Full PDB file with SEQRES, HELIX, SHEET, SSBOND, CRYST1, ORIGX, SCALE, CONECT and MASTER records, all heavy atoms in Angstrom:
SEQRES   1 A   29  ILE SER GLN GLY CYS ASN SER VAL GLY GLU HIS PHE ASN          
SEQRES   2 A   29  PRO THR ASN ALA GLU HIS GLY GLY PRO GLU ASP ASP ILE          
SEQRES   3 A   29  PHE LYS ARG                                                  
HELIX    1 AA1 GLY A    4  SER A    7  5                                   4    
HELIX    2 AA2 ILE A   26  LYS A   28  5                                   3    
CRYST1    1.000    1.000    1.000  90.00  90.00  90.00 P 1           1          
ORIGX1      1.000000  0.000000  0.000000        0.00000                         
ORIGX2      0.000000  1.000000  0.000000        0.00000                         
ORIGX3      0.000000  0.000000  1.000000        0.00000                         
SCALE1      1.000000  0.000000  0.000000        0.00000                         
SCALE2      0.000000  1.000000  0.000000        0.00000                         
SCALE3      0.000000  0.000000  1.000000        0.00000                         
ATOM      1  N   ILE A   1       0.833  -1.205   0.000  1.00  0.00           N  
ATOM      2  CA  ILE A   1       0.000   0.000   0.000  1.00  0.00           C  
ATOM      3  C   ILE A   1       0.871   1.259   0.000  1.00  0.00           C  
ATOM      4  O   ILE A   1       0.461   2.318   0.462  1.00  0.00           O  
ATOM      5  CB  ILE A   1      -0.988   0.009   1.174  1.00  0.00           C  
ATOM      6  CG1 ILE A   1      -0.265  -0.071   2.524  1.00  0.00           C  
ATOM      7  CG2 ILE A   1      -1.998  -1.128   1.047  1.00  0.00           C  
ATOM      8  CD1 ILE A   1      -1.191   0.146   3.724  1.00  0.00           C  
ATOM      9  N   SER A   2       2.083   1.130  -0.554  1.00  0.00           N  
ATOM     10  CA  SER A   2       2.995   2.281  -0.614  1.00  0.00           C  
ATOM     11  C   SER A   2       2.433   3.395  -1.484  1.00  0.00           C  
ATOM     12  O   SER A   2       2.770   4.566  -1.303  1.00  0.00           O  
ATOM     13  CB  SER A   2       4.365   1.837  -1.142  1.00  0.00           C  
ATOM     14  OG  SER A   2       4.252   1.283  -2.455  1.00  0.00           O  
ATOM     15  N   GLN A   3       1.583   3.050  -2.431  1.00  0.00           N  
ATOM     16  CA  GLN A   3       0.901   4.040  -3.274  1.00  0.00           C  
ATOM     17  C   GLN A   3      -0.609   3.970  -3.050  1.00  0.00           C  
ATOM     18  O   GLN A   3      -1.404   4.103  -3.968  1.00  0.00           O  
ATOM     19  CB  GLN A   3       1.230   3.788  -4.742  1.00  0.00           C  
ATOM     20  CG  GLN A   3       2.720   3.902  -5.066  1.00  0.00           C  
ATOM     21  CD  GLN A   3       3.008   3.562  -6.516  1.00  0.00           C  
ATOM     22  OE1 GLN A   3       2.359   4.061  -7.435  1.00  0.00           O  
ATOM     23  NE2 GLN A   3       3.997   2.711  -6.732  1.00  0.00           N  
ATOM     24  N   GLY A   4      -0.966   3.781  -1.793  1.00  0.00           N  
ATOM     25  CA  GLY A   4      -2.378   3.626  -1.475  1.00  0.00           C  
ATOM     26  C   GLY A   4      -2.918   2.345  -2.079  1.00  0.00           C  
ATOM     27  O   GLY A   4      -2.228   1.330  -2.190  1.00  0.00           O  
ATOM     28  N   CYS A   5      -4.164   2.376  -2.519  1.00  0.00           N  
ATOM     29  CA  CYS A   5      -4.797   1.179  -3.084  1.00  0.00           C  
ATOM     30  C   CYS A   5      -4.426   0.941  -4.534  1.00  0.00           C  
ATOM     31  O   CYS A   5      -4.869  -0.051  -5.133  1.00  0.00           O  
ATOM     32  CB  CYS A   5      -6.317   1.275  -2.935  1.00  0.00           C  
ATOM     33  SG  CYS A   5      -6.874   1.476  -1.229  1.00  0.00           S  
ATOM     34  N   ASN A   6      -3.601   1.823  -5.118  1.00  0.00           N  
ATOM     35  CA  ASN A   6      -3.193   1.644  -6.510  1.00  0.00           C  
ATOM     36  C   ASN A   6      -2.089   0.610  -6.678  1.00  0.00           C  
ATOM     37  O   ASN A   6      -1.807   0.187  -7.798  1.00  0.00           O  
ATOM     38  CB  ASN A   6      -2.739   2.975  -7.110  1.00  0.00           C  
ATOM     39  CG  ASN A   6      -3.874   3.967  -7.256  1.00  0.00           C  
ATOM     40  OD1 ASN A   6      -5.001   3.583  -7.552  1.00  0.00           O  
ATOM     41  ND2 ASN A   6      -3.583   5.244  -7.031  1.00  0.00           N  
ATOM     42  N   SER A   7      -1.449   0.228  -5.581  1.00  0.00           N  
ATOM     43  CA  SER A   7      -0.303  -0.672  -5.687  1.00  0.00           C  
ATOM     44  C   SER A   7      -0.587  -2.068  -5.139  1.00  0.00           C  
ATOM     45  O   SER A   7       0.336  -2.835  -4.888  1.00  0.00           O  
ATOM     46  CB  SER A   7       0.908  -0.067  -4.962  1.00  0.00           C  
ATOM     47  OG  SER A   7       0.576   0.347  -3.651  1.00  0.00           O  
ATOM     48  N   VAL A   8      -1.875  -2.406  -4.975  1.00  0.00           N  
ATOM     49  CA  VAL A   8      -2.202  -3.717  -4.408  1.00  0.00           C  
ATOM     50  C   VAL A   8      -2.466  -4.779  -5.477  1.00  0.00           C  
ATOM     51  O   VAL A   8      -2.805  -5.917  -5.158  1.00  0.00           O  
ATOM     52  CB  VAL A   8      -3.424  -3.628  -3.458  1.00  0.00           C  
ATOM     53  CG1 VAL A   8      -3.127  -2.707  -2.293  1.00  0.00           C  
ATOM     54  CG2 VAL A   8      -4.678  -3.181  -4.204  1.00  0.00           C  
ATOM     55  N   GLY A   9      -2.298  -4.425  -6.740  1.00  0.00           N  
ATOM     56  CA  GLY A   9      -2.503  -5.390  -7.811  1.00  0.00           C  
ATOM     57  C   GLY A   9      -3.970  -5.638  -8.107  1.00  0.00           C  
ATOM     58  O   GLY A   9      -4.846  -4.875  -7.697  1.00  0.00           O  
ATOM     59  N   GLU A  10      -4.233  -6.722  -8.818  1.00  0.00           N  
ATOM     60  CA  GLU A  10      -5.605  -7.067  -9.194  1.00  0.00           C  
ATOM     61  C   GLU A  10      -6.213  -8.018  -8.170  1.00  0.00           C  
ATOM     62  O   GLU A  10      -5.577  -8.382  -7.177  1.00  0.00           O  
ATOM     63  CB  GLU A  10      -5.609  -7.690 -10.590  1.00  0.00           C  
ATOM     64  CG  GLU A  10      -5.009  -6.797 -11.662  1.00  0.00           C  
ATOM     65  CD  GLU A  10      -5.672  -5.426 -11.729  1.00  0.00           C  
ATOM     66  OE1 GLU A  10      -6.910  -5.352 -11.565  1.00  0.00           O  
ATOM     67  OE2 GLU A  10      -4.940  -4.420 -11.936  1.00  0.00           O  
ATOM     68  N   HIS A  11      -7.445  -8.427  -8.415  1.00  0.00           N  
ATOM     69  CA  HIS A  11      -8.099  -9.369  -7.511  1.00  0.00           C  
ATOM     70  C   HIS A  11      -7.281 -10.651  -7.376  1.00  0.00           C  
ATOM     71  O   HIS A  11      -6.687 -11.130  -8.355  1.00  0.00           O  
ATOM     72  CB  HIS A  11      -9.493  -9.737  -8.024  1.00  0.00           C  
ATOM     73  CG  HIS A  11     -10.457  -8.601  -8.003  1.00  0.00           C  
ATOM     74  ND1 HIS A  11     -11.756  -8.734  -8.434  1.00  0.00           N  
ATOM     75  CD2 HIS A  11     -10.338  -7.309  -7.598  1.00  0.00           C  
ATOM     76  CE1 HIS A  11     -12.385  -7.573  -8.304  1.00  0.00           C  
ATOM     77  NE2 HIS A  11     -11.533  -6.689  -7.799  1.00  0.00           N  
ATOM     78  N   PHE A  12      -7.249 -11.200  -6.178  1.00  0.00           N  
ATOM     79  CA  PHE A  12      -6.571 -12.478  -5.944  1.00  0.00           C  
ATOM     80  C   PHE A  12      -7.311 -13.561  -6.738  1.00  0.00           C  
ATOM     81  O   PHE A  12      -8.486 -13.847  -6.493  1.00  0.00           O  
ATOM     82  CB  PHE A  12      -6.578 -12.789  -4.449  1.00  0.00           C  
ATOM     83  CG  PHE A  12      -5.973 -14.114  -4.098  1.00  0.00           C  
ATOM     84  CD1 PHE A  12      -4.767 -14.528  -4.651  1.00  0.00           C  
ATOM     85  CD2 PHE A  12      -6.605 -14.963  -3.191  1.00  0.00           C  
ATOM     86  CE1 PHE A  12      -4.206 -15.747  -4.320  1.00  0.00           C  
ATOM     87  CE2 PHE A  12      -6.049 -16.176  -2.846  1.00  0.00           C  
ATOM     88  CZ  PHE A  12      -4.854 -16.571  -3.408  1.00  0.00           C  
ATOM     89  N   ASN A  13      -6.604 -14.162  -7.706  1.00  0.00           N  
ATOM     90  CA  ASN A  13      -7.269 -15.001  -8.695  1.00  0.00           C  
ATOM     91  C   ASN A  13      -6.370 -16.169  -9.115  1.00  0.00           C  
ATOM     92  O   ASN A  13      -5.922 -16.260 -10.261  1.00  0.00           O  
ATOM     93  CB  ASN A  13      -7.659 -14.142  -9.917  1.00  0.00           C  
ATOM     94  CG  ASN A  13      -8.438 -14.908 -10.955  1.00  0.00           C  
ATOM     95  OD1 ASN A  13      -9.040 -15.928 -10.663  1.00  0.00           O  
ATOM     96  ND2 ASN A  13      -8.426 -14.405 -12.183  1.00  0.00           N  
ATOM     97  N   PRO A  14      -6.079 -17.083  -8.176  1.00  0.00           N  
ATOM     98  CA  PRO A  14      -5.134 -18.167  -8.503  1.00  0.00           C  
ATOM     99  C   PRO A  14      -5.653 -19.148  -9.549  1.00  0.00           C  
ATOM    100  O   PRO A  14      -4.857 -19.865 -10.169  1.00  0.00           O  
ATOM    101  CB  PRO A  14      -4.936 -18.868  -7.151  1.00  0.00           C  
ATOM    102  CG  PRO A  14      -6.170 -18.541  -6.368  1.00  0.00           C  
ATOM    103  CD  PRO A  14      -6.553 -17.153  -6.789  1.00  0.00           C  
ATOM    104  N   THR A  15      -6.967 -19.195  -9.796  1.00  0.00           N  
ATOM    105  CA  THR A  15      -7.512 -20.112 -10.803  1.00  0.00           C  
ATOM    106  C   THR A  15      -7.652 -19.457 -12.167  1.00  0.00           C  
ATOM    107  O   THR A  15      -8.127 -20.093 -13.113  1.00  0.00           O  
ATOM    108  CB  THR A  15      -8.890 -20.639 -10.357  1.00  0.00           C  
ATOM    109  OG1 THR A  15      -9.804 -19.536 -10.223  1.00  0.00           O  
ATOM    110  CG2 THR A  15      -8.794 -21.378  -9.030  1.00  0.00           C  
ATOM    111  N   ASN A  16      -7.252 -18.188 -12.269  1.00  0.00           N  
ATOM    112  CA  ASN A  16      -7.317 -17.459 -13.537  1.00  0.00           C  
ATOM    113  C   ASN A  16      -8.741 -17.465 -14.122  1.00  0.00           C  
ATOM    114  O   ASN A  16      -8.944 -17.641 -15.324  1.00  0.00           O  
ATOM    115  CB  ASN A  16      -6.332 -18.037 -14.550  1.00  0.00           C  
ATOM    116  CG  ASN A  16      -6.064 -17.074 -15.698  1.00  0.00           C  
ATOM    117  OD1 ASN A  16      -6.105 -15.849 -15.525  1.00  0.00           O  
ATOM    118  ND2 ASN A  16      -5.785 -17.613 -16.875  1.00  0.00           N  
ATOM    119  N   ALA A  17      -9.718 -17.252 -13.241  1.00  0.00           N  
ATOM    120  CA  ALA A  17     -11.117 -17.249 -13.648  1.00  0.00           C  
ATOM    121  C   ALA A  17     -11.575 -15.822 -13.956  1.00  0.00           C  
ATOM    122  O   ALA A  17     -10.872 -14.847 -13.671  1.00  0.00           O  
ATOM    123  CB  ALA A  17     -11.986 -17.830 -12.534  1.00  0.00           C  
ATOM    124  N   GLU A  18     -12.766 -15.692 -14.529  1.00  0.00           N  
ATOM    125  CA  GLU A  18     -13.382 -14.382 -14.697  1.00  0.00           C  
ATOM    126  C   GLU A  18     -13.981 -13.935 -13.371  1.00  0.00           C  
ATOM    127  O   GLU A  18     -14.248 -14.748 -12.478  1.00  0.00           O  
ATOM    128  CB  GLU A  18     -14.484 -14.447 -15.769  1.00  0.00           C  
ATOM    129  CG  GLU A  18     -13.963 -14.694 -17.170  1.00  0.00           C  
ATOM    130  CD  GLU A  18     -15.071 -14.658 -18.209  1.00  0.00           C  
ATOM    131  OE1 GLU A  18     -16.229 -14.974 -17.848  1.00  0.00           O  
ATOM    132  OE2 GLU A  18     -14.788 -14.295 -19.366  1.00  0.00           O  
ATOM    133  N   HIS A  19     -14.202 -12.627 -13.270  1.00  0.00           N  
ATOM    134  CA  HIS A  19     -14.807 -12.079 -12.066  1.00  0.00           C  
ATOM    135  C   HIS A  19     -16.239 -12.598 -11.885  1.00  0.00           C  
ATOM    136  O   HIS A  19     -16.981 -12.764 -12.845  1.00  0.00           O  
ATOM    137  CB  HIS A  19     -14.829 -10.547 -12.149  1.00  0.00           C  
ATOM    138  CG  HIS A  19     -15.506  -9.897 -10.980  1.00  0.00           C  
ATOM    139  ND1 HIS A  19     -14.918  -9.794  -9.739  1.00  0.00           N  
ATOM    140  CD2 HIS A  19     -16.736  -9.337 -10.861  1.00  0.00           C  
ATOM    141  CE1 HIS A  19     -15.746  -9.177  -8.922  1.00  0.00           C  
ATOM    142  NE2 HIS A  19     -16.860  -8.898  -9.569  1.00  0.00           N  
ATOM    143  N   GLY A  20     -16.602 -12.864 -10.638  1.00  0.00           N  
ATOM    144  CA  GLY A  20     -17.949 -13.326 -10.329  1.00  0.00           C  
ATOM    145  C   GLY A  20     -18.367 -12.905  -8.932  1.00  0.00           C  
ATOM    146  O   GLY A  20     -17.878 -11.914  -8.393  1.00  0.00           O  
ATOM    147  N   GLY A  21     -19.273 -13.660  -8.355  1.00  0.00           N  
ATOM    148  CA  GLY A  21     -19.777 -13.365  -7.017  1.00  0.00           C  
ATOM    149  C   GLY A  21     -19.407 -14.449  -6.036  1.00  0.00           C  
ATOM    150  O   GLY A  21     -18.976 -15.551  -6.422  1.00  0.00           O  
ATOM    151  N   PRO A  22     -19.567 -14.201  -4.751  1.00  0.00           N  
ATOM    152  CA  PRO A  22     -19.136 -15.153  -3.722  1.00  0.00           C  
ATOM    153  C   PRO A  22     -19.872 -16.485  -3.756  1.00  0.00           C  
ATOM    154  O   PRO A  22     -19.360 -17.484  -3.257  1.00  0.00           O  
ATOM    155  CB  PRO A  22     -19.399 -14.401  -2.410  1.00  0.00           C  
ATOM    156  CG  PRO A  22     -20.372 -13.332  -2.758  1.00  0.00           C  
ATOM    157  CD  PRO A  22     -20.097 -12.958  -4.171  1.00  0.00           C  
ATOM    158  N   GLU A  23     -21.056 -16.532  -4.363  1.00  0.00           N  
ATOM    159  CA  GLU A  23     -21.808 -17.784  -4.429  1.00  0.00           C  
ATOM    160  C   GLU A  23     -21.467 -18.601  -5.675  1.00  0.00           C  
ATOM    161  O   GLU A  23     -21.982 -19.718  -5.842  1.00  0.00           O  
ATOM    162  CB  GLU A  23     -23.314 -17.496  -4.396  1.00  0.00           C  
ATOM    163  CG  GLU A  23     -23.769 -16.749  -3.149  1.00  0.00           C  
ATOM    164  CD  GLU A  23     -23.391 -17.472  -1.867  1.00  0.00           C  
ATOM    165  OE1 GLU A  23     -23.523 -18.717  -1.839  1.00  0.00           O  
ATOM    166  OE2 GLU A  23     -22.952 -16.813  -0.912  1.00  0.00           O  
ATOM    167  N   ASP A  24     -20.635 -18.068  -6.546  1.00  0.00           N  
ATOM    168  CA  ASP A  24     -20.301 -18.767  -7.782  1.00  0.00           C  
ATOM    169  C   ASP A  24     -19.305 -19.902  -7.541  1.00  0.00           C  
ATOM    170  O   ASP A  24     -18.585 -19.931  -6.535  1.00  0.00           O  
ATOM    171  CB  ASP A  24     -19.721 -17.793  -8.806  1.00  0.00           C  
ATOM    172  CG  ASP A  24     -20.772 -16.848  -9.365  1.00  0.00           C  
ATOM    173  OD1 ASP A  24     -21.958 -17.227  -9.373  1.00  0.00           O  
ATOM    174  OD2 ASP A  24     -20.399 -15.736  -9.780  1.00  0.00           O  
ATOM    175  N   ASP A  25     -19.230 -20.823  -8.496  1.00  0.00           N  
ATOM    176  CA  ASP A  25     -18.257 -21.898  -8.474  1.00  0.00           C  
ATOM    177  C   ASP A  25     -16.841 -21.317  -8.535  1.00  0.00           C  
ATOM    178  O   ASP A  25     -16.626 -20.225  -9.081  1.00  0.00           O  
ATOM    179  CB  ASP A  25     -18.507 -22.818  -9.672  1.00  0.00           C  
ATOM    180  CG  ASP A  25     -17.529 -23.989  -9.708  1.00  0.00           C  
ATOM    181  OD1 ASP A  25     -17.788 -24.989  -9.040  1.00  0.00           O  
ATOM    182  OD2 ASP A  25     -16.499 -23.864 -10.414  1.00  0.00           O  
ATOM    183  N   ILE A  26     -15.866 -22.055  -8.007  1.00  0.00           N  
ATOM    184  CA  ILE A  26     -14.495 -21.567  -7.929  1.00  0.00           C  
ATOM    185  C   ILE A  26     -13.923 -21.210  -9.295  1.00  0.00           C  
ATOM    186  O   ILE A  26     -13.053 -20.337  -9.404  1.00  0.00           O  
ATOM    187  CB  ILE A  26     -13.588 -22.608  -7.231  1.00  0.00           C  
ATOM    188  CG1 ILE A  26     -12.174 -22.050  -6.989  1.00  0.00           C  
ATOM    189  CG2 ILE A  26     -13.535 -23.902  -8.033  1.00  0.00           C  
ATOM    190  CD1 ILE A  26     -12.127 -20.835  -6.121  1.00  0.00           C  
ATOM    191  N   PHE A  27     -14.402 -21.820 -10.365  1.00  0.00           N  
ATOM    192  CA  PHE A  27     -13.886 -21.506 -11.693  1.00  0.00           C  
ATOM    193  C   PHE A  27     -14.716 -20.438 -12.402  1.00  0.00           C  
ATOM    194  O   PHE A  27     -14.488 -20.139 -13.574  1.00  0.00           O  
ATOM    195  CB  PHE A  27     -13.813 -22.781 -12.540  1.00  0.00           C  
ATOM    196  CG  PHE A  27     -12.844 -23.790 -11.989  1.00  0.00           C  
ATOM    197  CD1 PHE A  27     -13.304 -24.945 -11.379  1.00  0.00           C  
ATOM    198  CD2 PHE A  27     -11.474 -23.568 -12.049  1.00  0.00           C  
ATOM    199  CE1 PHE A  27     -12.416 -25.869 -10.844  1.00  0.00           C  
ATOM    200  CE2 PHE A  27     -10.576 -24.478 -11.521  1.00  0.00           C  
ATOM    201  CZ  PHE A  27     -11.046 -25.635 -10.916  1.00  0.00           C  
ATOM    202  N   LYS A  28     -15.671 -19.851 -11.674  1.00  0.00           N  
ATOM    203  CA  LYS A  28     -16.493 -18.778 -12.224  1.00  0.00           C  
ATOM    204  C   LYS A  28     -16.404 -17.500 -11.370  1.00  0.00           C  
ATOM    205  O   LYS A  28     -17.236 -16.605 -11.484  1.00  0.00           O  
ATOM    206  CB  LYS A  28     -17.943 -19.235 -12.327  1.00  0.00           C  
ATOM    207  CG  LYS A  28     -18.153 -20.370 -13.316  1.00  0.00           C  
ATOM    208  CD  LYS A  28     -19.616 -20.763 -13.422  1.00  0.00           C  
ATOM    209  CE  LYS A  28     -19.803 -21.881 -14.436  1.00  0.00           C  
ATOM    210  NZ  LYS A  28     -21.235 -22.307 -14.539  1.00  0.00           N  
ATOM    211  N   ARG A  29     -15.389 -17.444 -10.530  1.00  0.00           N  
ATOM    212  CA  ARG A  29     -15.141 -16.255  -9.709  1.00  0.00           C  
ATOM    213  C   ARG A  29     -13.669 -16.208  -9.344  1.00  0.00           C  
ATOM    214  O   ARG A  29     -12.964 -17.227  -9.373  1.00  0.00           O  
ATOM    215  CB  ARG A  29     -15.965 -16.276  -8.420  1.00  0.00           C  
ATOM    216  CG  ARG A  29     -15.660 -17.461  -7.524  1.00  0.00           C  
ATOM    217  CD  ARG A  29     -16.205 -17.342  -6.115  1.00  0.00           C  
ATOM    218  NE  ARG A  29     -15.268 -16.660  -5.235  1.00  0.00           N  
ATOM    219  CZ  ARG A  29     -15.371 -16.662  -3.895  1.00  0.00           C  
ATOM    220  NH1 ARG A  29     -16.362 -17.297  -3.302  1.00  0.00           N  
ATOM    221  NH2 ARG A  29     -14.478 -16.015  -3.164  1.00  0.00           N  
TER     222      ARG A  29                                                      
MASTER        0    0    0    2    0    0    0    6  221    1    0    3          
END                                                                             
């Protein structure tokens, strides 16, 4: 957070999935 929230990268996404919601399957969020 050295540059505020601009330096925290993208969403944590180890499965390389598309963005979704918390109720979605692991490969759909």
